[in-house]
C-alpha atoms as a PDB file:
ATOM      1  CA  MET A   1     -32.307  53.458  47.980  1.00  0.00           C
ATOM      2  CA  THR A   2     -30.434  56.657  48.546  1.00  0.00           C
ATOM      3  CA  ASN A   3     -29.957  58.382  51.891  1.00  0.00           C
ATOM      4  CA  GLY A   4     -32.736  60.844  51.068  1.00  0.00           C
ATOM      5  CA  ASP A   5     -35.240  58.026  50.568  1.00  0.00           C
ATOM      6  CA  MET A   6     -34.260  56.275  53.787  1.00  0.00           C
ATOM      7  CA  GLU A   7     -34.798  59.444  55.783  1.00  0.00           C
ATOM      8  CA  TYR A   8     -38.568  59.382  55.180  1.00  0.00           C
ATOM      9  CA  GLU A   9     -39.091  55.683  55.712  1.00  0.00           C
ATOM     10  CA  VAL A  10     -41.925  54.950  58.148  1.00  0.00           C
ATOM     11  CA  ARG A  11     -40.753  52.751  60.997  1.00  0.00           C
ATOM     12  CA  LYS A  12     -43.021  50.049  62.311  1.00  0.00           C
ATOM     13  CA  PRO A  13     -43.055  49.031  65.976  1.00  0.00           C
ATOM     14  CA  GLY A  14     -40.856  46.089  66.830  1.00  0.00           C
ATOM     15  CA  LEU A  15     -41.366  43.121  69.097  1.00  0.00           C
ATOM     16  CA  VAL A  16     -40.034  44.996  72.120  1.00  0.00           C
ATOM     17  CA  ALA A  17     -42.755  47.664  71.820  1.00  0.00           C
ATOM     18  CA  VAL A  18     -45.439  45.000  71.452  1.00  0.00           C
ATOM     19  CA  PHE A  19     -44.061  43.009  74.392  1.00  0.00           C
ATOM     20  CA  VAL A  20     -43.954  46.103  76.617  1.00  0.00           C
ATOM     21  CA  THR A  21     -47.524  46.983  75.620  1.00  0.00           C
ATOM     22  CA  ILE A  22     -48.859  43.524  76.451  1.00  0.00           C
ATOM     23  CA  ILE A  23     -47.024  43.350  79.787  1.00  0.00           C
ATOM     24  CA  LEU A  24     -48.114  46.851  80.828  1.00  0.00           C
ATOM     25  CA  GLY A  25     -51.701  46.323  79.691  1.00  0.00           C
ATOM     26  CA  SER A  26     -52.156  43.031  81.494  1.00  0.00           C
ATOM     27  CA  GLY A  27     -50.320  44.207  84.618  1.00  0.00           C
ATOM     28  CA  ILE A  28     -52.213  47.469  85.027  1.00  0.00           C
ATOM     29  CA  ALA A  29     -55.549  45.779  84.282  1.00  0.00           C
ATOM     30  CA  PHE A  30     -54.726  43.082  86.842  1.00  0.00           C
ATOM     31  CA  VAL A  31     -53.855  45.590  89.566  1.00  0.00           C
ATOM     32  CA  LEU A  32     -56.789  47.882  88.850  1.00  0.00           C
ATOM     33  CA  ALA A  33     -59.545  45.295  88.364  1.00  0.00           C
ATOM     34  CA  THR A  34     -58.411  42.668  90.876  1.00  0.00           C
ATOM     35  CA  TYR A  35     -56.716  44.443  93.755  1.00  0.00           C
ATOM     36  CA  MET A  36     -57.973  48.013  93.721  1.00  0.00           C
ATOM     37  CA  LEU A  37     -61.596  47.586  92.617  1.00  0.00           C
ATOM     38  CA  ASN A  38     -62.091  43.870  93.364  1.00  0.00           C
ATOM     39  CA  LEU A  39     -64.290  43.438  90.298  1.00  0.00           C
ATOM     40  CA  SER A  40     -62.849  40.539  88.348  1.00  0.00           C
ATOM     41  CA  PRO A  41     -60.781  37.392  88.853  1.00  0.00           C
ATOM     42  CA  ALA A  42     -57.067  37.586  88.120  1.00  0.00           C
ATOM     43  CA  TRP A  43     -57.078  35.425  84.988  1.00  0.00           C
ATOM     44  CA  ILE A  44     -59.831  37.480  83.338  1.00  0.00           C
ATOM     45  CA  ALA A  45     -58.058  40.736  84.144  1.00  0.00           C
ATOM     46  CA  LEU A  46     -54.727  39.459  82.799  1.00  0.00           C
ATOM     47  CA  LEU A  47     -56.182  38.006  79.612  1.00  0.00           C
ATOM     48  CA  ALA A  48     -58.539  40.883  78.818  1.00  0.00           C
ATOM     49  CA  GLY A  49     -55.861  43.464  79.584  1.00  0.00           C
ATOM     50  CA  ALA A  50     -53.290  41.765  77.351  1.00  0.00           C
ATOM     51  CA  VAL A  51     -55.603  41.283  74.369  1.00  0.00           C
ATOM     52  CA  SER A  52     -57.160  44.738  74.529  1.00  0.00           C
ATOM     53  CA  SER A  53     -53.797  46.473  74.951  1.00  0.00           C
ATOM     54  CA  PHE A  54     -52.524  44.653  71.857  1.00  0.00           C
ATOM     55  CA  LEU A  55     -55.589  45.782  69.916  1.00  0.00           C
ATOM     56  CA  GLY A  56     -55.349  49.305  71.293  1.00  0.00           C
ATOM     57  CA  PHE A  57     -51.711  49.508  70.220  1.00  0.00           C
ATOM     58  CA  PHE A  58     -52.233  48.437  66.618  1.00  0.00           C
ATOM     59  CA  ILE A  59     -55.802  49.333  65.731  1.00  0.00           C
ATOM     60  CA  LEU A  60     -56.360  52.543  67.653  1.00  0.00           C
ATOM     61  CA  GLY A  61     -52.843  53.989  67.783  1.00  0.00           C
ATOM     62  CA  GLU A  62     -52.683  57.774  67.915  1.00  0.00           C
ATOM     63  CA  SER A  63     -50.386  60.503  69.109  1.00  0.00           C
ATOM     64  CA  ILE A  64     -49.742  60.896  72.835  1.00  0.00           C
ATOM     65  CA  GLY A  65     -51.981  63.954  73.225  1.00  0.00           C
ATOM     66  CA  ASP A  66     -54.945  62.261  71.574  1.00  0.00           C
ATOM     67  CA  ALA A  67     -54.332  59.127  73.646  1.00  0.00           C
ATOM     68  CA  ILE A  68     -54.375  61.109  76.908  1.00  0.00           C
ATOM     69  CA  VAL A  69     -57.636  62.853  76.005  1.00  0.00           C
ATOM     70  CA  PHE A  70     -59.158  59.543  74.907  1.00  0.00           C
ATOM     71  CA  SER A  71     -58.067  57.835  78.141  1.00  0.00           C
ATOM     72  CA  ILE A  72     -59.605  60.533  80.328  1.00  0.00           C
ATOM     73  CA  GLY A  73     -62.877  60.510  78.417  1.00  0.00           C
ATOM     74  CA  PHE A  74     -63.008  56.727  78.240  1.00  0.00           C
ATOM     75  CA  SER A  75     -62.369  56.355  81.980  1.00  0.00           C
ATOM     76  CA  VAL A  76     -65.234  58.761  82.757  1.00  0.00           C
ATOM     77  CA  LEU A  77     -67.497  56.779  80.432  1.00  0.00           C
ATOM     78  CA  VAL A  78     -66.525  53.473  82.084  1.00  0.00           C
ATOM     79  CA  PHE A  79     -67.093  54.966  85.544  1.00  0.00           C
ATOM     80  CA  VAL A  80     -70.588  56.121  84.568  1.00  0.00           C
ATOM     81  CA  PHE A  81     -71.348  52.767  82.971  1.00  0.00           C
ATOM     82  CA  ILE A  82     -70.253  50.801  86.039  1.00  0.00           C
ATOM     83  CA  THR A  83     -72.100  52.963  88.552  1.00  0.00           C
ATOM     84  CA  ALA A  84     -75.324  53.425  86.580  1.00  0.00           C
ATOM     85  CA  GLY A  85     -75.188  50.492  84.177  1.00  0.00           C
ATOM     86  CA  PRO A  86     -76.981  47.187  84.207  1.00  0.00           C
ATOM     87  CA  GLU A  87     -76.110  44.494  86.693  1.00  0.00           C
ATOM     88  CA  ILE A  88     -74.988  41.959  84.107  1.00  0.00           C
ATOM     89  CA  GLU A  89     -72.112  40.089  85.722  1.00  0.00           C
ATOM     90  CA  ILE A  90     -69.985  39.459  82.621  1.00  0.00           C
ATOM     91  CA  ILE A  91     -70.045  43.146  81.723  1.00  0.00           C
ATOM     92  CA  SER A  92     -69.086  44.306  85.191  1.00  0.00           C
ATOM     93  CA  ILE A  93     -66.279  41.728  85.338  1.00  0.00           C
ATOM     94  CA  SER A  94     -64.762  42.504  81.954  1.00  0.00           C
ATOM     95  CA  ILE A  95     -65.304  46.198  81.249  1.00  0.00           C
ATOM     96  CA  VAL A  96     -62.560  47.583  83.515  1.00  0.00           C
ATOM     97  CA  PRO A  97     -59.755  45.288  82.236  1.00  0.00           C
ATOM     98  CA  ILE A  98     -60.770  45.860  78.618  1.00  0.00           C
ATOM     99  CA  ALA A  99     -60.947  49.634  79.023  1.00  0.00           C
ATOM    100  CA  THR A 100     -57.639  49.675  80.887  1.00  0.00           C
ATOM    101  CA  GLY A 101     -55.932  47.619  78.194  1.00  0.00           C
ATOM    102  CA  ILE A 102     -57.226  49.817  75.383  1.00  0.00           C
ATOM    103  CA  CYS A 103     -56.045  52.974  77.141  1.00  0.00           C
ATOM    104  CA  VAL A 104     -52.615  51.475  77.909  1.00  0.00           C
ATOM    105  CA  GLY A 105     -52.245  50.322  74.297  1.00  0.00           C
ATOM    106  CA  LYS A 106     -53.079  53.776  72.983  1.00  0.00           C
ATOM    107  CA  LEU A 107     -50.725  55.451  75.450  1.00  0.00           C
ATOM    108  CA  THR A 108     -47.805  53.149  74.663  1.00  0.00           C
ATOM    109  CA  HIS A 109     -48.346  53.656  70.941  1.00  0.00           C
ATOM    110  CA  GLY A 110     -48.364  57.417  71.477  1.00  0.00           C
ATOM    111  CA  ILE A 111     -45.154  57.212  73.502  1.00  0.00           C
ATOM    112  CA  TRP A 112     -43.580  54.990  70.837  1.00  0.00           C
ATOM    113  CA  LYS A 113     -44.511  57.537  68.136  1.00  0.00           C
ATOM    114  CA  GLU A 114     -42.900  60.341  70.150  1.00  0.00           C
ATOM    115  CA  ILE A 115     -39.711  58.370  70.819  1.00  0.00           C
ATOM    116  CA  ARG A 116     -39.105  57.208  67.266  1.00  0.00           C
END
């Protein structure tokens, strides 16, 4: 490969970006769902936040602007769903950590795209 070909090579996220995404997703979901809102147990918040942030990073990765707009809209949708939604316990326990993880995954992917 020549230098011209290497210039346009698409970089893929490394293990550090994935590790940071999982730690941030599980940590923010834990703080938000367990301590601030008191909706779910700690282990559910940690697990759901980690898995959904991983999925949000790889499956739904966008630019930072799109991720911010998505996060604002998604948080309004989750708020409406929790306040006016059904009283099914598993949904009310898991929706905040999952939504938080997805938003954190999208935001970290957007930041990674801007940094690279």
